[in-house]
Amino acid sequence: MAKATFAAGLFLGVEATFRQIPGVITTRVGYIGGRTDNPTYKEVCTDRTGHAEAVESSTIPPKFRTTRCLKVF
């Protein structure tokens, strides 16, 4: 299994799109970077924590290449 993380302004739309791509077996959303441990959504929305919303996708190579997610992103 291969994993890739994509940071975006809003992760829900990216996650929904990635779930539709053949070969993506799981997705997981959360926050990356930043200065606050375990920030809440409300804290991240203030732009004071330095975090970015992100989607991690798990895929099955060689049937699927992470570049397919990158092209959609």
C-alpha atoms as a PDB file:
ATOM      1  CA  MET A   1       0.000   0.000   0.000  1.00  0.00           C
ATOM      2  CA  ALA A   2       1.223   3.507  -0.819  1.00  0.00           C
ATOM      3  CA  LYS A   3       0.215   6.650   1.059  1.00  0.00           C
ATOM      4  CA  ALA A   4       0.255  10.299   0.024  1.00  0.00           C
ATOM      5  CA  THR A   5      -0.858  13.438   1.848  1.00  0.00           C
ATOM      6  CA  PHE A   6      -2.394  16.451   0.111  1.00  0.00           C
ATOM      7  CA  ALA A   7      -2.903  19.773   1.918  1.00  0.00           C
ATOM      8  CA  ALA A   8      -5.881  21.856   0.846  1.00  0.00           C
ATOM      9  CA  GLY A   9      -7.973  24.796   1.963  1.00  0.00           C
ATOM     10  CA  LEU A  10     -10.935  22.527   2.725  1.00  0.00           C
ATOM     11  CA  PHE A  11     -10.330  18.810   2.993  1.00  0.00           C
ATOM     12  CA  LEU A  12     -13.916  17.577   2.687  1.00  0.00           C
ATOM     13  CA  GLY A  13     -14.236  18.246  -1.056  1.00  0.00           C
ATOM     14  CA  VAL A  14     -10.814  16.746  -1.769  1.00  0.00           C
ATOM     15  CA  GLU A  15     -11.607  13.664   0.300  1.00  0.00           C
ATOM     16  CA  ALA A  16     -14.948  13.127  -1.450  1.00  0.00           C
ATOM     17  CA  THR A  17     -13.279  13.398  -4.859  1.00  0.00           C
ATOM     18  CA  PHE A  18     -10.422  11.046  -3.934  1.00  0.00           C
ATOM     19  CA  ARG A  19     -12.910   8.412  -2.688  1.00  0.00           C
ATOM     20  CA  GLN A  20     -14.319   8.254  -6.221  1.00  0.00           C
ATOM     21  CA  ILE A  21     -10.957   7.442  -7.855  1.00  0.00           C
ATOM     22  CA  PRO A  22     -10.512   3.747  -8.667  1.00  0.00           C
ATOM     23  CA  GLY A  23      -7.560   2.357  -6.724  1.00  0.00           C
ATOM     24  CA  VAL A  24      -7.932   4.606  -3.671  1.00  0.00           C
ATOM     25  CA  ILE A  25      -8.779   2.244  -0.836  1.00  0.00           C
ATOM     26  CA  THR A  26      -8.959   4.637   2.135  1.00  0.00           C
ATOM     27  CA  THR A  27      -8.831   8.327   2.903  1.00  0.00           C
ATOM     28  CA  ARG A  28      -8.194  10.103   6.185  1.00  0.00           C
ATOM     29  CA  VAL A  29      -8.519  13.808   6.971  1.00  0.00           C
ATOM     30  CA  GLY A  30      -6.788  15.973   9.546  1.00  0.00           C
ATOM     31  CA  TYR A  31      -4.374  18.840  10.043  1.00  0.00           C
ATOM     32  CA  ILE A  32      -0.653  19.071   9.252  1.00  0.00           C
ATOM     33  CA  GLY A  33       2.061  21.506  10.242  1.00  0.00           C
ATOM     34  CA  GLY A  34       1.303  24.191  12.750  1.00  0.00           C
ATOM     35  CA  ARG A  35       2.329  25.134  16.247  1.00  0.00           C
ATOM     36  CA  THR A  36      -0.569  23.751  18.331  1.00  0.00           C
ATOM     37  CA  ASP A  37      -0.832  20.142  19.520  1.00  0.00           C
ATOM     38  CA  ASN A  38      -4.154  18.514  18.555  1.00  0.00           C
ATOM     39  CA  PRO A  39      -5.926  21.651  17.304  1.00  0.00           C
ATOM     40  CA  THR A  40      -9.691  21.792  16.956  1.00  0.00           C
ATOM     41  CA  TYR A  41     -11.425  22.757  13.730  1.00  0.00           C
ATOM     42  CA  LYS A  42     -12.406  26.070  15.301  1.00  0.00           C
ATOM     43  CA  GLU A  43      -8.773  26.816  16.236  1.00  0.00           C
ATOM     44  CA  VAL A  44      -7.503  25.975  12.751  1.00  0.00           C
ATOM     45  CA  CYS A  45     -10.132  28.259  11.195  1.00  0.00           C
ATOM     46  CA  THR A  46      -8.667  31.250  13.064  1.00  0.00           C
ATOM     47  CA  ASP A  47      -5.456  30.937  10.986  1.00  0.00           C
ATOM     48  CA  ARG A  48      -3.462  31.339  14.208  1.00  0.00           C
ATOM     49  CA  THR A  49      -2.276  27.732  14.596  1.00  0.00           C
ATOM     50  CA  GLY A  50      -0.365  27.523  11.310  1.00  0.00           C
ATOM     51  CA  HIS A  51      -2.039  24.238  10.346  1.00  0.00           C
ATOM     52  CA  ALA A  52      -3.305  23.183   6.926  1.00  0.00           C
ATOM     53  CA  GLU A  53      -6.236  20.873   6.330  1.00  0.00           C
ATOM     54  CA  ALA A  54      -5.036  17.690   4.656  1.00  0.00           C
ATOM     55  CA  VAL A  55      -6.187  14.417   3.124  1.00  0.00           C
ATOM     56  CA  GLU A  56      -4.135  11.231   3.284  1.00  0.00           C
ATOM     57  CA  SER A  57      -4.961   8.674   0.603  1.00  0.00           C
ATOM     58  CA  SER A  58      -3.985   5.015   0.662  1.00  0.00           C
ATOM     59  CA  THR A  59      -3.687   3.279  -2.686  1.00  0.00           C
ATOM     60  CA  ILE A  60      -2.737  -0.108  -4.081  1.00  0.00           C
ATOM     61  CA  PRO A  61       0.297   0.084  -6.378  1.00  0.00           C
ATOM     62  CA  PRO A  62       1.173  -0.944  -9.028  1.00  0.00           C
ATOM     63  CA  LYS A  63      -2.486  -0.981 -10.133  1.00  0.00           C
ATOM     64  CA  PHE A  64      -2.757   2.610  -9.002  1.00  0.00           C
ATOM     65  CA  ARG A  65      -0.263   5.412  -9.048  1.00  0.00           C
ATOM     66  CA  THR A  66      -0.424   8.311  -6.613  1.00  0.00           C
ATOM     67  CA  THR A  67       0.088  10.607  -9.598  1.00  0.00           C
ATOM     68  CA  ARG A  68      -3.573   9.966 -10.478  1.00  0.00           C
ATOM     69  CA  CYS A  69      -4.582  11.730  -7.228  1.00  0.00           C
ATOM     70  CA  LEU A  70      -2.078  14.475  -7.980  1.00  0.00           C
ATOM     71  CA  LYS A  71      -3.638  15.091 -11.405  1.00  0.00           C
ATOM     72  CA  VAL A  72      -7.104  15.336  -9.831  1.00  0.00           C
ATOM     73  CA  PHE A  73      -5.821  17.572  -7.049  1.00  0.00           C
END
